[in-house]
């Protein structure tokens, strides 16, 4: 968890203002002992107060197809099923949060009966067996905390969120349903000390102030664990009970003979135990147990090792490069005009392409469109990761990260339009056609994403998964794009036409210079250049893919921010070095090569995603799941290509501009 630092750096101000500000700070720190940002608004409960758990979609790491909790024959709440309000990110991730019949009374240990199902039909049995064999998990939430489960495998304690729908013993072909849950709720007694807390959870923003001390006194929930088991009950006895009647507590696990088999005409009774345990864990630290990443030692040392290696290599390349360019410029500037003319005849290198280096590239409109979209994606990524590193996008706020990314992307359309159109006016020398460029920027990347998501959505609709995007959400996304992104992109394009075009330092010859033949194709060098940026990224990529596809929490955004900054530096350096190498062999067609020199990292990211699918997601079953995985990986690869390519291209453009503006030309 992240806290604000005690001291902050301020610009120099007058002594009087400093004293006033210091006094104000002292008053604030007197009023509050702590300031906590991540997580949901703290809720305290009085003894005996009723709390109802919620249920999210059923999920599986084998299929990656979420389904509604009530698609299976589970007990329904007495007042009917009610859906919780969900944000844009939750809907896109396939979350479907409903109320549940599981009732808890604060600090009251009890063992309760829920319901007995009608006789299982053939369809019920088929569904239950299929969900059990596909390792589907039930995701339960209490006070915004997911249910946590612990298992022992080969002497190692493994932490999971949720519990299985059922299980299949190794010595049997029969499947057994989980129908009894033993809950352990950890609580911390809160006495309303002077603490101001601000949260960003599902309940929205909120502050507990001095006036709410008495109201806030009570117990706060700081942990939620579950032990699932299967119990065979006598349906004749159980049907005489009513919901929330007390039953005898049972122990877990049960022997196979006493477990509830999944079979036609069976009636399944659901029960649960609740035990409240007082804990020293305070509310601000309750998410720490969920955010402990597996393999932390490997993660930290691998990242540090990658950072050191990349900094070392990039430093060497950059120093050599600077010395080489400076030597060439110094030698060229020291010669008089006649000697320069003689040198041009005798020597080869970047000096010979001075009349062609700013010649218009092939497909200039597409280049400007891709650069504009790259600026939009890069800005979205940087701002999102900075806010996440500061703790504004807590995992307690489900869907907040994705919602924030979408909104940032929409509003950054103004930057995309400005950069793309300004590059267009620079290349063409006129603003004619800027509206077409702006519209293309607004439609290019969203169009690619829309086509891929629509194809994947048809697959999800065919599977009746909650991961399918509802038709209403499609219209909402289209409305957001058309009403926010498109106008802002056009506004940015208009501002780009009003900005002064970047003037080339040298004139372009009418007749293009012939490019000398090369022993090897230049695209080999371009593809090879992507390996260095990929070296900074692939370790973090493994943890990100694991969090997405294996249901793990990812919360080391500080490291991700460092890796992102390092990736920007390496992409810029790789592209500049490759551009310089092409100019040295008199290849003046550097525009697209500069873009793909750093953008080619996306190819390695996509290949690594395939490698991850084959070797790390071996449990992923069926062509539908593999198609979903590859579709989402393709979207990620295209976004990375546009972002890294834009970083490399813009750096190379300003480098070439600086390089040739430093040469005296008649």
Foldseek 3Di string as FASTA:
>chain_A
DFFDDPDDDDDDDDPVVVVVVVVVVVVVCVLAVGEFEEFADFAFDAAFDKFFKKWKWWAFLAARFTARPVVAPDFAAPVGKDWDDDDLQCLLSLITIITGNDMDGHQDWAKWWAAKTFFQDPVNLVVLVVQQVRFIFIWMGTPLRTAKEWDADPNDIDIDTGHTQWYDDPVDPWIFGFFEKEKEWEKEFAQQDSHWYFYPFPVHTDTQGSVCRVVRGHITTQHMYMDTEFFDDDVVVSNVDDGGDGDDDDDPDDDPVGGHTRDGRDMGIHMYIYHYHYDPDDNSCSCVVQAPDPPVVVLVVLLVVLVVVLVVVLVVLVVVVVVVLVVVLVVQVPDDPVVNVVCLVVAFFLVVCLQPLLAQAPPLLVLLLLLLLLVLLLQLVLVLLVCLLNNNDHVSHPSPSVVSSLVSSLQCLLSSLQSSQLSVCQSVVASPPSLVSLVCSLCPLVVLLVVLLVVLLVLSVVVNGSSRNDPVSVVVSVCSSVVGRSVSSVNSNVVNNVDDRDDFLGHHDPDHDDQDDDPDDLVVLLLVLQVSLLSLPVSVVVVVVCCSSVVGDDRVSVSVSVSSVSSLSSLQSSLQSSLRVCSGSVNSNSQVSQLSSNLSNLVVQLVVLVVCCVPVSVSHDDPSSVSVSSSVSVSVSSSSSSNSSSSRNVSNVVVVRVSSNSRDDD
